[in-house]
Amino acid sequence: MAGFGESFLSFEDLLDNRLGVRRMGVLRMDVDNLGKTLRKAYEQKLPLASFAHKSRQLDKFFKQRLHQIWLRDYIDSVIIIYSGGDDLFIVGNWVNVLKFAKTINQLFVETFSEDQISLSAGISLVESKFPIIRAAESAANEESVAKQFGYVDTKGISRFKQSISIFSTALRWNVEFKKIIDLCETWENLLRNQEKKEDNVVKALLRRILNYNESVTYNGREISPIRQIWLMSYDLTRLKQRYQKRLSKEEEYFIDKCLMDIVVGNTIFGTHIDSPYHSLQLWAIAARLVELKVRNN
């Protein structure tokens, strides 16, 4: 059951049309390196006390602090199916599930800043009538993708786990995922400003990015065939020229940054990003999320 004002709703009621939930997000999260952290607790002067303290700290996080946030911000749109031990499973309006996941990770990092543990997560976005058991399996598969994530950055530092997987792509919380969420917010703001325009260049860009993504294959940060980059560059330049007289400064800037990112390959909105993915791949994930939002969730 989930709270809704002073009443309670069943799982089915929460996802019906009265709440406008046409698409739900299914999120699974799990703590990374927990065994290593607990073993370290046993190495302290008071091993049993240290172990018990760490266990209580985790239990308090998943059963108390997380529920406090849910009651305050997400009770009307999200159901916590399970939260305890070292993992959780939640379902609800996909937009708020995504926001909740970000909030949970931020709080987890603050709470366990002195420990070598992190959160891996997987989120599946499905139609509200989709069988919940299959959606849960899909989210579990996404979580496995996050758990298996590994990347050695340009400084030679190994980065493992600490990510959320969506559309079968593992995104580090404070790198790719943060960039994509910021990009989505900018894109959505521009779309809102263009709602009354007959020719919506920002929406046209959305469709183009998704088409570009389907026309290439990725090998890490490399795109194949390489000529597609120049074809995309030409197409975006033509798009900009077509709408030139009607573009706002913000819209022109947005298209310019998109074009630069695709050509350079390792920047997002003009800022360098040390990532295992080509910039187009990250823009395409943002485009898919924005497109779902445009469809009214």
Protein backbone atom coordinates (compact mmCIF):
# COMPACT_ATOMS: atom_id res chain seq x y z
CA MET A 1 0.00 0.00 0.00
CA ALA A 2 1.12 3.56 -0.61
CA GLY A 3 -0.03 6.75 1.02
CA PHE A 4 -1.93 9.38 -0.92
CA GLY A 5 -2.90 12.33 1.24
CA GLU A 6 -4.91 10.93 4.14
CA SER A 7 -5.88 7.73 2.31
CA PHE A 8 -4.00 4.71 1.02
CA LEU A 9 -3.77 3.30 -2.47
CA SER A 10 -3.05 -0.20 -3.66
CA PHE A 11 -0.21 -0.83 -6.09
CA GLU A 12 -2.66 -1.05 -8.98
CA ASP A 13 -4.46 2.17 -7.96
CA LEU A 14 -1.20 4.09 -7.75
CA LEU A 15 -0.39 3.36 -11.38
CA ASP A 16 -3.82 3.99 -12.88
CA ASN A 17 -4.81 6.97 -14.98
CA ARG A 18 -6.05 8.99 -12.00
CA LEU A 19 -2.43 9.70 -11.13
CA GLY A 20 -1.42 10.09 -14.77
CA VAL A 21 1.18 7.32 -14.59
CA ARG A 22 1.49 5.88 -18.07
CA ARG A 23 5.02 4.62 -17.58
CA MET A 24 6.58 3.28 -14.42
CA GLY A 25 10.13 3.06 -13.20
CA VAL A 26 11.32 -0.09 -11.47
CA LEU A 27 14.46 0.49 -9.41
CA ARG A 28 16.75 -2.00 -7.69
CA MET A 29 19.75 -0.94 -5.63
CA ASP A 30 22.47 -2.83 -3.84
CA VAL A 31 25.50 -1.91 -1.71
CA ASP A 32 28.94 -2.49 -3.26
CA ASN A 33 31.93 -3.86 -1.34
CA LEU A 34 29.87 -4.52 1.80
CA GLY A 35 31.73 -7.72 2.66
CA LYS A 36 35.07 -5.91 2.49
CA THR A 37 33.78 -3.16 4.78
CA LEU A 38 32.41 -5.60 7.35
CA ARG A 39 35.67 -7.56 7.34
CA LYS A 40 37.48 -4.30 8.01
CA ALA A 41 35.19 -3.73 11.00
CA TYR A 42 36.39 -7.05 12.43
CA GLU A 43 39.97 -5.76 12.28
CA GLN A 44 39.23 -2.97 14.78
CA LYS A 45 40.13 -3.13 18.48
CA LEU A 46 36.54 -4.01 19.35
CA PRO A 47 35.55 -6.15 16.34
CA LEU A 48 32.08 -7.22 17.48
CA ALA A 49 31.13 -3.70 18.51
CA SER A 50 32.47 -2.28 15.22
CA PHE A 51 30.60 -4.90 13.21
CA ALA A 52 27.36 -4.26 15.09
CA HIS A 53 27.72 -0.49 14.66
CA LYS A 54 28.18 -0.78 10.90
CA SER A 55 25.22 -3.15 10.62
CA ARG A 56 22.99 -0.80 12.62
CA GLN A 57 24.13 2.14 10.50
CA LEU A 58 23.12 0.36 7.30
CA ASP A 59 19.85 -0.80 8.80
CA LYS A 60 19.02 2.72 9.93
CA PHE A 61 19.76 4.09 6.47
CA PHE A 62 17.53 1.66 4.56
CA LYS A 63 14.71 1.38 7.10
CA GLN A 64 14.58 4.87 8.59
CA ARG A 65 16.34 7.67 6.72
CA LEU A 66 15.25 6.46 3.30
CA HIS A 67 11.63 6.16 4.47
CA GLN A 68 11.74 9.68 5.89
CA ILE A 69 12.61 11.04 2.44
CA TRP A 70 9.89 8.90 0.88
CA LEU A 71 7.25 10.20 3.32
CA ARG A 72 8.34 13.78 2.72
CA ASP A 73 8.71 13.83 -1.06
CA TYR A 74 7.59 10.67 -2.84
CA ILE A 75 4.71 9.04 -0.99
CA ASP A 76 2.19 10.08 -3.66
CA SER A 77 4.07 8.63 -6.61
CA VAL A 78 6.42 5.86 -5.46
CA ILE A 79 5.99 2.53 -3.65
CA ILE A 80 8.81 1.02 -1.62
CA ILE A 81 8.39 -2.71 -2.19
CA TYR A 82 11.40 -3.60 -0.07
CA SER A 83 14.13 -1.69 1.74
CA GLY A 84 16.43 -3.31 4.27
CA GLY A 85 19.75 -4.99 4.85
CA ASP A 86 21.83 -3.73 1.96
CA ASP A 87 19.37 -3.40 -0.92
CA LEU A 88 16.04 -1.95 -2.00
CA PHE A 89 13.31 -2.33 -4.60
CA ILE A 90 10.95 0.52 -5.49
CA VAL A 91 8.30 1.14 -8.15
CA GLY A 92 6.37 4.21 -9.26
CA ASN A 93 6.17 7.15 -11.62
CA TRP A 94 9.40 6.82 -13.59
CA VAL A 95 10.31 10.52 -13.36
CA ASN A 96 10.12 10.48 -9.56
CA VAL A 97 11.76 7.06 -9.29
CA LEU A 98 14.74 8.49 -11.17
CA LYS A 99 14.82 11.54 -8.86
CA PHE A 100 14.48 9.32 -5.80
CA ALA A 101 17.41 7.17 -6.95
CA LYS A 102 19.59 10.26 -7.29
CA THR A 103 18.55 11.48 -3.82
CA ILE A 104 19.19 8.08 -2.22
CA ASN A 105 22.69 7.89 -3.67
CA GLN A 106 23.55 11.43 -2.54
CA LEU A 107 22.41 10.64 0.99
CA PHE A 108 24.29 7.33 0.96
CA VAL A 109 27.54 9.00 -0.07
CA GLU A 110 27.12 11.59 2.72
CA THR A 111 26.30 8.94 5.33
CA PHE A 112 29.09 6.51 4.46
CA SER A 113 31.78 8.93 3.29
CA GLU A 114 34.41 7.22 5.48
CA ASP A 115 33.66 3.73 4.16
CA GLN A 116 34.70 2.06 0.92
CA ILE A 117 31.13 1.24 -0.04
CA SER A 118 28.86 2.62 -2.73
CA LEU A 119 25.53 1.93 -4.41
CA SER A 120 24.94 0.19 -7.70
CA ALA A 121 21.50 0.54 -9.23
CA GLY A 122 19.44 -0.61 -12.19
CA ILE A 123 16.27 1.03 -13.44
CA SER A 124 13.80 -0.30 -15.96
CA LEU A 125 11.24 1.99 -17.63
CA VAL A 126 8.10 0.17 -18.75
CA GLU A 127 4.44 0.81 -19.55
CA SER A 128 2.24 0.82 -16.45
CA LYS A 129 0.38 -2.33 -17.61
CA PHE A 130 3.65 -4.24 -18.04
CA PRO A 131 3.83 -7.35 -15.75
CA ILE A 132 5.61 -6.27 -12.58
CA ILE A 133 7.50 -9.58 -12.27
CA ARG A 134 9.06 -9.14 -15.70
CA ALA A 135 9.79 -5.47 -14.95
CA ALA A 136 11.57 -6.55 -11.75
CA GLU A 137 13.67 -9.02 -13.73
CA SER A 138 14.55 -6.29 -16.21
CA ALA A 139 15.62 -3.97 -13.38
CA ALA A 140 17.72 -6.80 -11.89
CA ASN A 141 19.46 -7.22 -15.24
CA GLU A 142 20.16 -3.49 -15.34
CA GLU A 143 21.57 -3.70 -11.81
CA SER A 144 23.91 -6.48 -12.97
CA VAL A 145 25.18 -4.20 -15.74
CA ALA A 146 25.98 -1.56 -13.11
CA LYS A 147 27.66 -4.14 -10.86
CA GLN A 148 29.91 -5.26 -13.71
CA PHE A 149 30.91 -1.75 -14.74
CA GLY A 150 34.64 -1.12 -14.87
CA TYR A 151 36.68 1.64 -16.43
CA VAL A 152 40.31 2.77 -16.20
CA ASP A 153 40.32 6.54 -16.66
CA THR A 154 42.98 8.62 -18.41
CA LYS A 155 44.92 8.91 -15.15
CA GLY A 156 45.15 5.15 -14.88
CA ILE A 157 42.72 4.97 -11.97
CA SER A 158 40.33 2.01 -11.99
CA ARG A 159 36.69 2.93 -11.54
CA PHE A 160 34.40 0.05 -10.65
CA LYS A 161 30.70 -0.11 -9.88
CA GLN A 162 29.35 3.12 -8.27
CA SER A 163 26.92 3.47 -11.13
CA ILE A 164 23.30 3.28 -12.23
CA SER A 165 22.34 1.40 -15.37
CA ILE A 166 19.55 2.53 -17.68
CA PHE A 167 18.90 1.34 -21.23
CA SER A 168 21.59 -1.30 -20.58
CA THR A 169 24.26 1.38 -20.09
CA ALA A 170 26.12 1.81 -16.80
CA LEU A 171 26.49 5.48 -15.86
CA ARG A 172 28.64 6.67 -12.98
CA TRP A 173 26.52 8.64 -10.52
CA ASN A 174 28.64 11.80 -10.46
CA VAL A 175 29.93 11.66 -14.02
CA GLU A 176 27.76 10.40 -16.91
CA PHE A 177 24.51 10.23 -14.93
CA LYS A 178 24.88 13.75 -13.56
CA LYS A 179 25.73 15.14 -17.00
CA ILE A 180 22.72 13.43 -18.57
CA ILE A 181 20.30 14.68 -15.91
CA ASP A 182 21.62 18.24 -16.30
CA LEU A 183 21.30 17.95 -20.08
CA CYS A 184 17.72 16.68 -19.74
CA GLU A 185 16.74 19.65 -17.59
CA THR A 186 18.17 22.14 -20.10
CA TRP A 187 16.46 20.34 -22.98
CA GLU A 188 13.09 20.28 -21.19
CA ASN A 189 13.29 23.99 -20.38
CA LEU A 190 13.93 24.82 -24.02
CA LEU A 191 11.04 22.60 -25.10
CA ARG A 192 8.68 24.37 -22.70
CA ASN A 193 9.72 27.73 -24.13
CA GLN A 194 8.97 26.46 -27.65
CA GLU A 195 5.59 24.85 -26.97
CA LYS A 196 3.62 27.49 -28.89
CA LYS A 197 5.95 27.63 -31.88
CA GLU A 198 4.84 25.92 -35.09
CA ASP A 199 8.39 24.82 -35.94
CA ASN A 200 10.05 23.40 -32.86
CA VAL A 201 13.77 23.17 -33.54
CA VAL A 202 14.55 21.68 -30.14
CA LYS A 203 12.08 18.85 -30.75
CA ALA A 204 13.54 18.38 -34.23
CA LEU A 205 16.98 18.03 -32.65
CA LEU A 206 15.59 15.40 -30.29
CA ARG A 207 14.46 13.22 -33.19
CA ARG A 208 17.74 13.70 -35.02
CA ILE A 209 19.86 12.60 -32.06
CA LEU A 210 17.83 9.40 -31.72
CA ASN A 211 18.19 8.71 -35.45
CA TYR A 212 21.93 9.40 -35.34
CA ASN A 213 22.32 6.95 -32.47
CA GLU A 214 20.57 4.21 -34.47
CA SER A 215 22.80 4.80 -37.50
CA VAL A 216 26.10 4.02 -35.76
CA THR A 217 27.77 1.32 -33.70
CA TYR A 218 30.01 2.04 -30.73
CA ASN A 219 33.35 0.55 -29.78
CA GLY A 220 34.05 2.32 -26.51
CA ARG A 221 34.54 5.99 -27.40
CA GLU A 222 34.80 5.24 -31.12
CA ILE A 223 31.94 5.55 -33.63
CA SER A 224 31.61 3.41 -36.72
CA PRO A 225 31.38 4.26 -39.57
CA ILE A 226 33.45 7.35 -38.88
CA ARG A 227 31.92 9.23 -41.83
CA GLN A 228 28.66 9.44 -39.87
CA ILE A 229 30.22 12.13 -37.69
CA TRP A 230 30.66 14.43 -40.69
CA LEU A 231 27.19 13.62 -41.99
CA MET A 232 25.74 14.50 -38.58
CA SER A 233 27.77 17.69 -38.50
CA TYR A 234 26.47 18.69 -41.93
CA ASP A 235 22.87 17.84 -40.96
CA LEU A 236 22.98 19.85 -37.72
CA THR A 237 24.53 22.81 -39.52
CA ARG A 238 21.71 22.72 -42.07
CA LEU A 239 19.16 22.48 -39.24
CA LYS A 240 20.61 25.56 -37.61
CA GLN A 241 20.62 27.49 -40.90
CA ARG A 242 17.01 26.54 -41.59
CA TYR A 243 15.80 28.01 -38.28
CA GLN A 244 18.45 30.75 -38.05
CA LYS A 245 16.12 33.77 -38.05
CA ARG A 246 13.80 32.25 -35.41
CA LEU A 247 16.39 30.84 -33.02
CA SER A 248 16.82 32.33 -29.58
CA LYS A 249 20.36 32.70 -28.24
CA GLU A 250 19.71 29.77 -25.88
CA GLU A 251 18.53 27.52 -28.71
CA GLU A 252 21.44 28.43 -30.94
CA TYR A 253 23.87 27.79 -28.09
CA PHE A 254 22.25 24.41 -27.41
CA ILE A 255 22.61 23.27 -31.03
CA ASP A 256 26.21 24.51 -31.18
CA LYS A 257 27.15 22.54 -28.07
CA CYS A 258 25.44 19.43 -29.39
CA LEU A 259 27.35 19.72 -32.66
CA MET A 260 30.66 20.26 -30.88
CA ASP A 261 30.11 17.30 -28.54
CA ILE A 262 29.37 14.93 -31.42
CA VAL A 263 32.43 16.02 -33.39
CA VAL A 264 34.82 16.06 -30.43
CA GLY A 265 33.38 12.92 -28.83
CA ASN A 266 34.54 13.43 -25.24
CA THR A 267 32.65 16.52 -24.10
CA ILE A 268 29.13 17.10 -22.80
CA PHE A 269 27.81 20.60 -23.40
CA GLY A 270 31.33 21.71 -24.17
CA THR A 271 32.88 20.39 -20.96
CA HIS A 272 35.42 17.55 -21.13
CA ILE A 273 34.27 14.24 -19.69
CA ASP A 274 36.56 11.28 -19.04
CA SER A 275 34.15 8.54 -20.00
CA PRO A 276 34.16 5.15 -21.75
CA TYR A 277 31.34 6.40 -23.98
CA HIS A 278 31.20 8.65 -27.02
CA SER A 279 29.30 11.89 -26.39
CA LEU A 280 26.57 10.94 -28.88
CA GLN A 281 25.71 7.87 -26.84
CA LEU A 282 25.13 10.03 -23.76
CA TRP A 283 23.15 12.62 -25.72
CA ALA A 284 20.98 9.78 -27.03
CA ILE A 285 20.18 8.56 -23.51
CA ALA A 286 19.17 12.10 -22.55
CA ALA A 287 17.07 12.33 -25.72
CA ARG A 288 15.22 9.11 -24.86
CA LEU A 289 14.43 10.37 -21.38
CA VAL A 290 13.24 13.75 -22.66
CA GLU A 291 11.13 12.06 -25.33
CA LEU A 292 9.41 9.95 -22.66
CA LYS A 293 8.79 13.09 -20.62
CA VAL A 294 7.28 14.84 -23.65
CA ARG A 295 4.88 11.93 -23.99
CA ASN A 296 3.41 12.88 -20.61
CA ASN A 297 5.22 10.18 -18.62
